[in-house]
Every structure is written in C-alpha cells, then in structure tokens.
Amino acid sequence: MIVYTPLYETMRKRGISTYQLITYHGVSRGLINRLKHNQAITTVTLNDLCTILNCRPEEIVAYIPDSVETLIEV
C-alpha cells in the first residue's frame, strides 16, 4: 500500500501548509483529499509536489507491504 505520511512531515519541515499548496501553488482540494485518504495519484502530480516542496519522491510517499493474508486472498 502506498501512503503519503512522509508528505506531511516534509511540508512541516518546509513550512508549507495545505492552505498554501491550494492558494499559492494551485493544488486542488480534491488532490489534498486524495492524499489524506492514501488514494492513487499520478506520477505527474508526484513530480509537481516534488517541485513545489523541492524534495525527492520518498519524502512524499512510502510503501507499506500488505499483510500476507491479504496477498493470499487475491
């Protein structure tokens, strides 16, 4: 599972709020909602966030393996 938990730490370190992303950088409220709920985003969006925050992708996303039980059920 991809999660965006590192994004919020990176934003805190850079002094950028979600309000600033929306107001000054043109990030949509819908995208903020997708990030908060760990939903899929495009690599273009990931690139845009990296540009805005001047960071690497691993400072925005993290991979958490699904449990073995979940993988067997699929």
Protein backbone atom coordinates (compact mmCIF):
# COMPACT_ATOMS: atom_id res chain seq x y z
CA MET A 1 0.00 0.00 0.00
CA ILE A 2 1.27 3.46 -0.86
CA VAL A 3 0.82 6.05 1.89
CA TYR A 4 1.52 9.77 1.91
CA THR A 5 2.51 10.08 5.55
CA PRO A 6 6.00 11.40 4.71
CA LEU A 7 4.40 14.30 2.79
CA TYR A 8 3.11 15.95 5.93
CA GLU A 9 6.49 15.76 7.69
CA THR A 10 8.15 17.23 4.59
CA MET A 11 5.58 20.02 4.46
CA ARG A 12 6.19 20.76 8.14
CA LYS A 13 9.96 20.91 7.61
CA ARG A 14 9.50 23.25 4.62
CA GLY A 15 6.97 25.43 6.42
CA ILE A 16 4.27 24.82 3.82
CA SER A 17 0.64 24.23 4.79
CA THR A 18 -2.16 22.64 2.79
CA TYR A 19 -3.67 26.14 2.61
CA GLN A 20 -0.51 27.39 0.88
CA LEU A 21 -0.50 24.44 -1.53
CA ILE A 22 -4.06 25.26 -2.54
CA THR A 23 -3.80 29.06 -2.57
CA TYR A 24 -0.30 29.73 -3.89
CA HIS A 25 0.59 26.60 -5.84
CA GLY A 26 -2.73 25.69 -7.48
CA VAL A 27 -3.12 22.29 -5.82
CA SER A 28 -6.78 21.28 -5.85
CA ARG A 29 -8.76 20.48 -2.73
CA GLY A 30 -9.61 17.18 -4.39
CA LEU A 31 -5.94 16.26 -4.57
CA ILE A 32 -5.44 17.17 -0.92
CA ASN A 33 -8.37 14.88 -0.11
CA ARG A 34 -6.85 12.04 -2.17
CA LEU A 35 -3.54 12.43 -0.32
CA LYS A 36 -5.24 12.45 3.09
CA HIS A 37 -7.03 9.21 2.24
CA ASN A 38 -3.99 7.50 0.62
CA GLN A 39 -5.68 7.25 -2.76
CA ALA A 40 -3.82 6.98 -6.06
CA ILE A 41 -2.17 10.00 -7.67
CA THR A 42 -0.35 10.26 -10.99
CA THR A 43 3.40 10.47 -11.39
CA VAL A 44 2.84 13.92 -12.90
CA THR A 45 1.23 15.00 -9.62
CA LEU A 46 4.07 13.41 -7.66
CA ASN A 47 6.53 15.35 -9.83
CA ASP A 48 4.61 18.59 -9.24
CA LEU A 49 4.66 18.06 -5.46
CA CYS A 50 8.40 17.31 -5.57
CA THR A 51 8.95 20.54 -7.49
CA ILE A 52 6.82 22.61 -5.10
CA LEU A 53 8.44 21.13 -1.99
CA ASN A 54 11.93 20.83 -3.51
CA CYS A 55 12.20 17.22 -2.38
CA ARG A 56 12.55 13.62 -3.56
CA PRO A 57 9.60 11.22 -4.06
CA GLU A 58 10.48 9.23 -0.93
CA GLU A 59 9.87 12.40 1.07
CA ILE A 60 6.25 12.30 -0.15
CA VAL A 61 5.32 8.63 -0.45
CA ALA A 62 6.10 5.43 1.43
CA TYR A 63 5.38 1.81 0.63
CA ILE A 64 3.92 -0.40 3.33
CA PRO A 65 3.59 -4.05 2.29
CA ASP A 66 0.13 -5.57 2.55
CA SER A 67 -0.25 -8.37 5.03
CA VAL A 68 0.44 -11.91 3.84
CA GLU A 69 -3.20 -12.84 4.45
CA THR A 70 -4.38 -10.10 2.12
CA LEU A 71 -1.98 -11.20 -0.62
CA ILE A 72 -3.13 -14.85 -0.38
CA GLU A 73 -6.81 -13.87 -0.72
CA VAL A 74 -6.19 -12.14 -4.05
